[in-house]
N, C-alpha and C. Protein backbone atom coordinates (compact mmCIF):
# COMPACT_ATOMS: atom_id res chain seq x y z
N UNK A 1 20.21 -28.19 -55.88
CA UNK A 1 19.12 -27.82 -56.51
C UNK A 1 18.02 -27.46 -55.20
N UNK A 2 17.40 -26.80 -55.46
CA UNK A 2 16.32 -25.84 -54.28
C UNK A 2 14.98 -26.88 -54.16
N UNK A 3 14.68 -27.08 -53.34
CA UNK A 3 13.23 -27.93 -52.83
C UNK A 3 12.20 -27.03 -53.59
N UNK A 4 11.29 -27.43 -54.53
CA UNK A 4 10.25 -26.56 -54.72
C UNK A 4 9.17 -26.14 -53.70
N UNK A 5 9.10 -26.50 -52.55
CA UNK A 5 8.49 -26.74 -51.63
C UNK A 5 9.38 -25.42 -50.69
N UNK A 6 10.13 -25.34 -50.68
CA UNK A 6 10.93 -24.04 -49.72
C UNK A 6 10.77 -22.87 -50.35
N UNK A 7 10.22 -22.05 -49.33
CA UNK A 7 10.64 -20.76 -49.64
C UNK A 7 12.00 -19.94 -49.17
N UNK A 8 12.14 -18.64 -49.44
CA UNK A 8 13.16 -18.04 -49.42
C UNK A 8 13.82 -18.07 -47.90
N UNK A 9 12.93 -18.34 -47.12
CA UNK A 9 13.37 -18.30 -45.29
C UNK A 9 13.77 -19.50 -45.09
N UNK A 10 13.69 -20.53 -45.88
CA UNK A 10 14.58 -21.98 -45.69
C UNK A 10 13.00 -22.92 -44.93
N UNK A 11 12.26 -21.86 -44.68
CA UNK A 11 10.94 -22.92 -44.16
C UNK A 11 10.00 -23.59 -45.26
N UNK A 12 9.48 -24.87 -45.15
CA UNK A 12 8.85 -25.08 -46.05
C UNK A 12 7.26 -24.32 -46.34
N UNK A 13 6.98 -24.22 -47.62
CA UNK A 13 5.49 -23.37 -47.73
C UNK A 13 4.22 -24.01 -47.29
N UNK A 14 3.28 -23.61 -47.02
CA UNK A 14 1.78 -24.32 -46.42
C UNK A 14 1.17 -24.40 -47.54
N UNK A 15 0.73 -25.54 -47.74
CA UNK A 15 -0.48 -25.34 -48.56
C UNK A 15 -1.82 -25.21 -48.23
N UNK A 16 -2.60 -24.45 -49.13
CA UNK A 16 -3.63 -23.54 -48.71
C UNK A 16 -4.41 -24.11 -48.00
N UNK A 17 -4.69 -25.42 -48.10
CA UNK A 17 -5.56 -26.22 -46.77
C UNK A 17 -4.78 -26.36 -45.66
N UNK A 18 -3.86 -26.24 -45.29
CA UNK A 18 -2.83 -26.16 -44.39
C UNK A 18 -3.28 -24.63 -43.61
N UNK A 19 -3.33 -23.67 -44.68
CA UNK A 19 -3.58 -22.26 -44.11
C UNK A 19 -4.75 -22.11 -43.59
N UNK A 20 -5.59 -22.51 -44.21
CA UNK A 20 -7.31 -22.75 -43.83
C UNK A 20 -7.49 -23.18 -42.79
N UNK A 21 -7.05 -24.46 -42.23
CA UNK A 21 -6.92 -25.08 -41.18
C UNK A 21 -6.40 -24.34 -39.64
N UNK A 22 -4.94 -23.59 -40.08
CA UNK A 22 -4.44 -22.66 -38.97
C UNK A 22 -5.19 -21.50 -38.76
N UNK A 23 -5.78 -20.86 -39.77
CA UNK A 23 -6.73 -19.50 -39.45
C UNK A 23 -7.88 -20.13 -38.88
N UNK A 24 -8.78 -21.27 -39.27
CA UNK A 24 -9.73 -21.63 -38.31
C UNK A 24 -9.19 -22.17 -37.12
N UNK A 25 -8.42 -22.40 -36.77
CA UNK A 25 -7.63 -22.78 -35.30
C UNK A 25 -7.65 -21.59 -34.73
N UNK A 26 -6.90 -20.88 -35.18
CA UNK A 26 -7.05 -19.25 -34.34
C UNK A 26 -8.54 -19.05 -34.12
N UNK A 27 -9.35 -18.85 -34.97
CA UNK A 27 -10.69 -18.44 -34.55
C UNK A 27 -11.00 -18.80 -33.94
N UNK A 28 -11.09 -20.45 -33.71
CA UNK A 28 -11.75 -20.95 -32.60
C UNK A 28 -11.15 -20.64 -31.50
N UNK A 29 -9.93 -20.68 -31.38
CA UNK A 29 -9.44 -20.57 -30.05
C UNK A 29 -9.70 -18.80 -29.36
N UNK A 30 -9.73 -18.12 -30.58
CA UNK A 30 -10.53 -16.61 -30.25
C UNK A 30 -11.54 -16.79 -29.52
N UNK A 31 -12.48 -17.42 -29.99
CA UNK A 31 -13.94 -17.48 -29.65
C UNK A 31 -13.91 -18.42 -28.48
N UNK A 32 -13.00 -19.59 -28.22
CA UNK A 32 -12.96 -20.24 -26.98
C UNK A 32 -12.63 -19.07 -25.64
N UNK A 33 -11.68 -18.35 -25.98
CA UNK A 33 -11.14 -17.26 -25.11
C UNK A 33 -12.37 -16.46 -24.70
N UNK A 34 -12.99 -16.06 -26.01
CA UNK A 34 -13.98 -14.95 -25.81
C UNK A 34 -14.96 -15.43 -24.43
N UNK A 35 -15.34 -16.78 -25.09
CA UNK A 35 -16.50 -17.50 -24.40
C UNK A 35 -16.11 -17.72 -22.90
N UNK A 36 -15.04 -17.99 -22.52
CA UNK A 36 -14.25 -17.96 -21.22
C UNK A 36 -14.48 -16.97 -20.63
N UNK A 37 -14.16 -15.72 -20.95
CA UNK A 37 -14.05 -14.51 -20.47
C UNK A 37 -15.34 -13.99 -20.18
N UNK A 38 -16.04 -14.56 -21.08
CA UNK A 38 -17.75 -13.98 -20.50
C UNK A 38 -18.31 -14.75 -19.07
N UNK A 39 -17.87 -16.28 -19.36
CA UNK A 39 -18.31 -17.13 -18.47
C UNK A 39 -17.29 -16.61 -17.25
N UNK A 40 -16.11 -16.69 -17.11
CA UNK A 40 -15.55 -16.44 -16.03
C UNK A 40 -15.00 -14.57 -15.88
N UNK A 41 -15.76 -13.65 -15.74
CA UNK A 41 -15.18 -12.07 -15.88
C UNK A 41 -14.32 -12.04 -14.49
N UNK A 42 -14.29 -12.78 -13.63
CA UNK A 42 -13.35 -12.34 -12.45
C UNK A 42 -11.87 -12.53 -13.02
N UNK A 43 -11.54 -13.46 -13.89
CA UNK A 43 -10.46 -13.95 -14.08
C UNK A 43 -9.83 -13.04 -15.17
N UNK A 44 -10.48 -12.01 -15.64
CA UNK A 44 -10.09 -10.72 -17.05
C UNK A 44 -8.75 -10.34 -16.67
N UNK A 45 -8.20 -10.23 -17.72
CA UNK A 45 -6.70 -9.66 -17.46
C UNK A 45 -6.59 -8.38 -16.79
N UNK A 46 -5.76 -8.27 -15.65
CA UNK A 46 -5.95 -6.98 -15.45
C UNK A 46 -4.86 -6.24 -16.19
N UNK A 47 -5.36 -4.71 -16.34
CA UNK A 47 -4.61 -3.69 -17.00
C UNK A 47 -3.16 -3.43 -16.31
N UNK A 48 -1.90 -3.77 -17.01
CA UNK A 48 -0.74 -3.89 -16.30
C UNK A 48 -0.31 -2.46 -15.64
N UNK A 49 -1.05 -1.42 -16.42
CA UNK A 49 -0.61 -0.35 -16.12
C UNK A 49 -1.31 0.38 -15.26
N UNK A 50 -2.54 -0.21 -15.22
CA UNK A 50 -3.46 0.02 -13.38
C UNK A 50 -2.90 -0.84 -12.28
N UNK A 51 -2.11 -1.88 -12.64
CA UNK A 51 -1.58 -2.31 -11.65
C UNK A 51 -0.28 -1.79 -10.81
N UNK A 52 0.52 -1.21 -11.82
CA UNK A 52 1.49 -0.48 -11.42
C UNK A 52 1.37 0.90 -10.95
N UNK A 53 0.13 1.51 -11.36
CA UNK A 53 -0.13 3.23 -11.05
C UNK A 53 -0.61 2.79 -9.41
N UNK A 54 -0.85 1.80 -9.02
CA UNK A 54 -1.15 1.93 -7.82
C UNK A 54 0.15 2.16 -6.75
N UNK A 55 1.16 1.78 -6.96
CA UNK A 55 2.34 2.42 -6.30
C UNK A 55 2.37 4.13 -5.81
N UNK A 56 2.32 5.17 -7.00
CA UNK A 56 2.29 5.94 -6.75
C UNK A 56 0.40 6.64 -6.24
N UNK A 57 -0.16 5.93 -6.86
CA UNK A 57 -1.61 6.13 -5.89
C UNK A 57 -1.42 6.13 -4.54
N UNK A 58 -1.17 4.81 -4.10
CA UNK A 58 -0.85 4.67 -2.55
C UNK A 58 0.25 6.08 -2.02
N UNK A 59 1.25 5.99 -2.51
CA UNK A 59 2.29 7.08 -2.14
C UNK A 59 2.20 8.21 -1.91
N UNK A 60 1.23 8.78 -3.11
CA UNK A 60 0.54 9.98 -3.15
C UNK A 60 -0.67 10.41 -2.21
N UNK A 61 -1.29 9.25 -1.75
CA UNK A 61 -2.34 9.47 -0.91
C UNK A 61 -1.67 9.64 0.66
N UNK A 62 -0.73 8.57 0.89
CA UNK A 62 -0.35 8.97 2.22
C UNK A 62 0.52 10.38 2.18
N UNK A 63 1.30 10.69 1.46
CA UNK A 63 2.13 12.11 1.24
C UNK A 63 0.85 13.33 1.04
N UNK A 64 -0.40 13.30 0.53
CA UNK A 64 -1.62 14.13 0.66
C UNK A 64 -1.93 14.42 1.82
N UNK A 65 -1.52 13.28 2.83
CA UNK A 65 -2.00 13.34 4.35
C UNK A 65 -1.75 14.72 5.29
N UNK A 66 -0.08 14.65 4.67
CA UNK A 66 0.65 15.52 5.36
C UNK A 66 0.59 17.03 4.28
N UNK A 67 0.46 16.70 3.28
CA UNK A 67 0.81 17.68 2.14
C UNK A 67 -0.39 18.13 1.17
N UNK A 68 -1.52 18.44 1.82
CA UNK A 68 -2.71 18.08 1.08
C UNK A 68 -2.48 18.89 -0.54
N UNK A 69 -1.56 19.84 -0.48
CA UNK A 69 -1.29 20.49 -2.13
C UNK A 69 -1.08 19.37 -3.27
N UNK A 70 -0.37 18.41 -2.32
CA UNK A 70 0.26 17.00 -3.65
C UNK A 70 -1.07 16.54 -3.91
N UNK A 71 -2.18 16.74 -3.57
CA UNK A 71 -3.54 15.91 -4.05
C UNK A 71 -3.40 16.05 -5.60
N UNK A 72 -3.07 17.54 -5.95
CA UNK A 72 -3.19 17.80 -7.22
C UNK A 72 -1.97 17.28 -8.55
N UNK A 73 -1.03 16.59 -7.60
CA UNK A 73 -0.04 16.09 -8.20
C UNK A 73 -0.31 14.33 -8.28
N UNK A 74 -0.58 13.61 -7.85
CA UNK A 74 -1.01 12.76 -7.45
C UNK A 74 -2.84 12.05 -7.92
N UNK A 75 -2.80 12.80 -9.21
CA UNK A 75 -4.14 12.22 -9.91
C UNK A 75 -4.27 10.95 -10.17
N UNK A 76 -5.34 10.93 -10.63
CA UNK A 76 -5.13 9.16 -10.97
C UNK A 76 -4.54 9.11 -12.38
N UNK A 77 -4.82 10.20 -13.40
CA UNK A 77 -4.47 10.29 -14.62
C UNK A 77 -2.85 10.40 -14.59
N UNK A 78 -2.32 11.15 -13.92
CA UNK A 78 -1.01 11.09 -13.63
C UNK A 78 -0.31 9.82 -12.92
N UNK A 79 -0.86 9.25 -12.36
CA UNK A 79 -0.72 8.08 -11.67
C UNK A 79 -0.48 6.78 -12.64
N UNK A 80 -1.70 6.73 -13.56
CA UNK A 80 -1.90 6.19 -14.80
C UNK A 80 -0.69 5.98 -15.75
N UNK A 81 -0.31 7.53 -16.16
CA UNK A 81 0.22 7.56 -17.00
C UNK A 81 2.15 7.17 -16.50
N UNK A 82 2.33 7.11 -14.89
CA UNK A 82 3.26 6.43 -14.24
C UNK A 82 3.41 5.03 -14.72
N UNK A 83 2.18 4.39 -14.38
CA UNK A 83 1.88 3.07 -14.44
C UNK A 83 2.34 2.42 -15.73
N UNK A 84 1.97 3.13 -16.83
CA UNK A 84 1.61 2.75 -18.11
C UNK A 84 3.62 2.57 -18.66
N UNK A 85 4.48 3.59 -18.02
CA UNK A 85 5.66 3.47 -18.64
C UNK A 85 6.23 2.42 -17.53
N UNK A 86 5.76 2.34 -16.58
CA UNK A 86 6.23 1.45 -15.53
C UNK A 86 6.24 0.18 -16.34
N UNK A 87 4.89 0.01 -16.88
CA UNK A 87 4.66 -1.22 -17.17
C UNK A 87 5.37 -1.92 -18.31
N UNK A 88 5.41 -0.91 -19.33
CA UNK A 88 6.70 -1.05 -20.22
C UNK A 88 7.93 -1.64 -19.88
N UNK A 89 8.59 -1.10 -18.90
CA UNK A 89 9.92 -1.07 -18.14
C UNK A 89 9.63 -2.87 -17.47
N UNK A 90 8.56 -2.95 -17.09
CA UNK A 90 8.02 -4.35 -16.40
C UNK A 90 8.08 -5.26 -17.34
N UNK A 91 7.51 -5.18 -18.42
CA UNK A 91 7.55 -6.22 -19.54
C UNK A 91 8.69 -6.30 -19.69
N UNK A 92 9.74 -5.69 -20.41
CA UNK A 92 11.25 -5.45 -20.93
C UNK A 92 11.89 -6.38 -19.76
N UNK A 93 11.65 -6.04 -18.28
CA UNK A 93 12.67 -6.78 -17.20
C UNK A 93 12.01 -8.04 -17.11
N UNK A 94 10.78 -8.49 -17.33
CA UNK A 94 10.03 -9.55 -16.99
C UNK A 94 9.78 -9.52 -15.42
N UNK A 95 9.11 -8.00 -14.71
CA UNK A 95 8.91 -8.15 -13.52
C UNK A 95 7.17 -8.42 -13.54
N UNK A 96 6.60 -8.60 -12.54
CA UNK A 96 5.21 -8.73 -12.04
C UNK A 96 4.74 -7.88 -11.02
N UNK A 97 3.80 -6.76 -11.09
CA UNK A 97 3.65 -6.08 -10.37
C UNK A 97 3.16 -6.87 -8.96
N UNK A 98 2.61 -7.67 -9.08
CA UNK A 98 1.78 -8.54 -7.95
C UNK A 98 2.76 -9.28 -7.21
N UNK A 99 3.89 -9.55 -7.67
CA UNK A 99 5.28 -10.05 -6.97
C UNK A 99 6.02 -9.17 -6.70
N UNK A 100 6.41 -8.05 -7.48
CA UNK A 100 7.54 -6.69 -6.90
C UNK A 100 6.76 -6.07 -5.54
N UNK A 101 5.39 -6.25 -5.75
CA UNK A 101 4.94 -4.87 -4.74
C UNK A 101 4.61 -6.21 -3.74
N UNK A 102 3.80 -7.21 -3.83
CA UNK A 102 3.94 -8.32 -2.80
C UNK A 102 2.71 -8.16 -1.87
N UNK A 103 2.30 -9.38 -1.81
CA UNK A 103 1.05 -9.27 -0.47
C UNK A 103 1.44 -8.04 0.79
N UNK A 104 2.66 -8.29 1.33
CA UNK A 104 2.63 -7.47 2.18
C UNK A 104 3.02 -5.96 2.12
N UNK A 105 3.67 -5.84 0.94
CA UNK A 105 3.72 -4.30 0.60
C UNK A 105 2.10 -3.83 0.62
N UNK A 106 1.52 -4.59 -0.13
CA UNK A 106 -0.19 -4.27 -0.73
C UNK A 106 -0.96 -4.05 0.54
N UNK A 107 -0.70 -4.72 1.92
CA UNK A 107 -1.21 -5.07 2.86
C UNK A 107 -0.95 -3.14 3.78
N UNK A 108 0.47 -3.72 3.88
CA UNK A 108 1.02 -1.99 4.63
C UNK A 108 0.58 -0.84 3.67
N UNK A 109 0.48 -0.41 2.86
CA UNK A 109 -0.14 0.13 1.82
C UNK A 109 -1.64 0.84 1.82
N UNK A 110 -2.10 -0.49 2.20
CA UNK A 110 -3.72 -0.46 1.87
C UNK A 110 -3.87 -0.01 3.80
N UNK A 111 -2.92 -0.07 4.71
CA UNK A 111 -3.04 -0.04 5.99
C UNK A 111 -2.55 1.59 6.46
N UNK A 112 -1.38 2.29 5.93
CA UNK A 112 -1.36 3.48 6.07
C UNK A 112 -2.24 4.53 5.79
N UNK A 113 -3.10 4.51 4.94
CA UNK A 113 -3.74 5.40 4.67
C UNK A 113 -5.22 5.42 6.08
N UNK A 114 -5.30 4.04 6.62
CA UNK A 114 -6.13 4.28 7.48
C UNK A 114 -5.43 4.52 8.89
N UNK A 115 -4.15 4.03 9.54
CA UNK A 115 -3.52 4.33 10.38
C UNK A 115 -2.98 5.55 10.49
N UNK A 116 -2.65 5.95 9.63
CA UNK A 116 -2.42 7.57 9.84
C UNK A 116 -3.23 8.95 10.26
N UNK A 117 -4.65 8.55 9.74
CA UNK A 117 -5.12 9.52 10.08
C UNK A 117 -5.83 9.45 11.31
N UNK A 118 -6.07 8.21 11.75
CA UNK A 118 -6.39 7.83 12.83
C UNK A 118 -5.45 8.12 14.25
N UNK A 119 -4.06 7.69 13.92
CA UNK A 119 -3.19 8.44 14.78
C UNK A 119 -3.57 9.61 15.00
N UNK A 120 -3.67 10.72 14.01
CA UNK A 120 -3.74 12.16 14.07
C UNK A 120 -4.98 12.64 14.77
N UNK A 121 -6.17 11.77 14.77
CA UNK A 121 -7.59 12.06 15.40
C UNK A 121 -7.07 11.59 17.06
N UNK A 122 -6.88 10.68 17.15
CA UNK A 122 -6.40 9.85 18.50
C UNK A 122 -5.76 11.11 19.29
N UNK A 123 -4.59 11.45 18.63
CA UNK A 123 -3.80 12.36 19.25
C UNK A 123 -4.59 13.66 19.19
N UNK A 124 -5.17 14.17 18.80
CA UNK A 124 -5.72 15.21 18.82
C UNK A 124 -6.92 15.24 20.03
N UNK A 125 -7.82 14.19 20.02
CA UNK A 125 -8.92 14.21 21.20
C UNK A 125 -7.90 14.08 22.68
N UNK A 126 -7.00 13.52 22.60
CA UNK A 126 -5.71 13.17 23.76
C UNK A 126 -5.61 14.77 24.59
N UNK A 127 -4.84 15.33 23.09
CA UNK A 127 -4.27 17.03 23.57
C UNK A 127 -5.71 17.68 24.12
N UNK A 128 -6.39 17.75 23.38
CA UNK A 128 -7.55 18.47 23.88
C UNK A 128 -8.33 18.35 24.76
N UNK A 129 -8.23 16.92 25.35
CA UNK A 129 -8.84 16.34 26.71
C UNK A 129 -7.68 17.09 27.81
N UNK A 130 -6.62 16.87 27.43
CA UNK A 130 -5.33 17.57 28.51
C UNK A 130 -5.39 18.89 28.88
N UNK A 131 -5.74 19.47 27.52
CA UNK A 131 -6.36 21.17 27.76
C UNK A 131 -7.30 21.39 28.62
N UNK A 132 -8.56 20.62 28.68
CA UNK A 132 -9.71 21.07 28.97
C UNK A 132 -9.66 20.22 30.25
N UNK A 133 -8.84 19.58 31.01
CA UNK A 133 -8.97 19.12 32.02
C UNK A 133 -8.44 19.99 33.06
N UNK A 134 -9.25 20.45 34.16
CA UNK A 134 -8.83 21.31 35.04
C UNK A 134 -7.24 21.16 36.17
N UNK A 135 -6.88 21.81 35.87
CA UNK A 135 -5.75 21.83 36.52
C UNK A 135 -5.78 21.72 37.89
N UNK A 136 -5.36 20.90 38.97
CA UNK A 136 -5.73 20.77 40.17
C UNK A 136 -4.53 21.51 40.59
N UNK A 137 -4.61 22.77 41.59
CA UNK A 137 -3.63 23.60 42.29
C UNK A 137 -3.12 22.57 43.34
N UNK A 138 -1.75 22.70 43.55
CA UNK A 138 -0.89 22.26 44.72
C UNK A 138 -1.58 23.06 46.01
N UNK A 139 -2.08 22.26 47.20
CA UNK A 139 -2.32 23.38 48.39
C UNK A 139 -0.63 24.00 48.82
N UNK A 140 -1.29 25.37 49.21
CA UNK A 140 0.01 26.07 49.60
C UNK A 140 0.47 25.21 51.04
N UNK A 141 1.82 25.78 51.05
CA UNK A 141 2.24 25.05 52.35
C UNK A 141 2.55 26.38 53.37
N UNK A 142 2.39 26.32 54.26
CA UNK A 142 2.67 27.31 55.53
C UNK A 142 4.24 27.03 55.61
N UNK A 143 5.02 28.48 55.84
CA UNK A 143 6.44 28.53 55.34
C UNK A 143 6.69 28.12 57.06
N UNK A 144 6.24 28.22 57.83
CA UNK A 144 6.65 28.00 59.29
C UNK A 144 6.16 26.56 59.86
N UNK A 145 5.50 25.74 58.96
CA UNK A 145 5.27 24.32 59.02
C UNK A 145 6.57 23.58 58.59
N UNK A 146 7.61 24.21 57.49
CA UNK A 146 8.70 23.76 57.08
C UNK A 146 9.14 22.72 58.05
N UNK A 147 9.74 23.03 59.16
CA UNK A 147 10.44 22.53 59.95
C UNK A 147 9.58 20.82 60.72
N UNK A 148 8.24 21.17 60.36
CA UNK A 148 7.49 20.12 60.76
C UNK A 148 7.34 18.58 60.00
N UNK A 149 7.84 17.53 60.47
CA UNK A 149 7.47 16.24 59.97
C UNK A 149 6.39 16.41 59.20
N UNK A 150 6.55 15.87 57.78
CA UNK A 150 4.92 15.57 56.85
C UNK A 150 4.86 14.10 57.00
N UNK A 151 5.98 13.33 56.69
CA UNK A 151 5.32 12.06 56.77
C UNK A 151 6.53 11.24 57.35
N UNK A 152 6.80 10.07 56.93
CA UNK A 152 7.96 9.00 57.33
C UNK A 152 9.18 9.53 56.79
N UNK A 153 9.19 10.17 55.43
CA UNK A 153 10.30 10.31 54.90
C UNK A 153 10.83 11.61 55.72
N UNK A 154 10.13 12.56 56.52
CA UNK A 154 11.00 13.57 57.02
C UNK A 154 11.39 13.47 58.38
N UNK A 155 11.01 12.16 58.63
CA UNK A 155 11.49 11.64 60.53
C UNK A 155 12.98 11.38 60.65
N UNK A 156 13.56 11.64 61.59
CA UNK A 156 14.57 10.88 61.73
C UNK A 156 14.74 9.94 61.78
N UNK A 157 15.68 9.01 61.37
CA UNK A 157 15.69 7.56 61.24
C UNK A 157 15.70 7.06 62.71
N UNK A 158 15.26 5.70 63.02
CA UNK A 158 15.01 4.91 64.34
C UNK A 158 13.87 5.03 64.81
N UNK A 159 13.52 4.77 65.74
CA UNK A 159 12.36 4.99 66.48
C UNK A 159 11.53 3.78 66.13
N UNK A 160 12.16 2.57 66.02
CA UNK A 160 11.53 1.58 66.11
C UNK A 160 11.63 0.53 67.29
N UNK A 161 10.67 -0.24 67.49
CA UNK A 161 10.21 -0.63 68.93
C UNK A 161 10.95 -2.01 68.78
N UNK A 162 11.34 -2.52 69.60
CA UNK A 162 11.61 -3.98 69.43
C UNK A 162 10.87 -4.86 70.35
N UNK A 163 10.38 -5.81 69.90
CA UNK A 163 9.62 -6.32 70.96
C UNK A 163 10.51 -7.31 71.71
N UNK A 164 9.88 -7.47 73.21
CA UNK A 164 10.67 -8.23 74.03
C UNK A 164 10.53 -9.65 74.00
């Protein structure tokens, strides 16, 4: 004989009062979450697609420094679309963008857009300074003086005096 409190799924049915209590608990929790979000906006959940989109945004930024035509490819919209797809894969696999990227990679990715242009600007200025620096011509030597010693390295060995 089947228990009259059991439904087809094998779970006991909830009374009307239990359903009202459960619904009320969900509403209270939703209100508490909303209040908490208003009081602590810094803790607002970050969009996973936006987090994952940081990878192609940074890669595209670095590549665009060398090949400016890629700036049209790595648009925010395209990177966000990639991030949305990656977020779905990450959710399926249990990956977290912050853990996968890690603080070291985030620092590296933030440093590259600063360091690469700085390197090229410094290199450009040094190259320009070398080009603009007047080259001192080497003084011409008289061919007849080639047999004359010009310094200690051109003298014959010896010639030392020994103190008595």
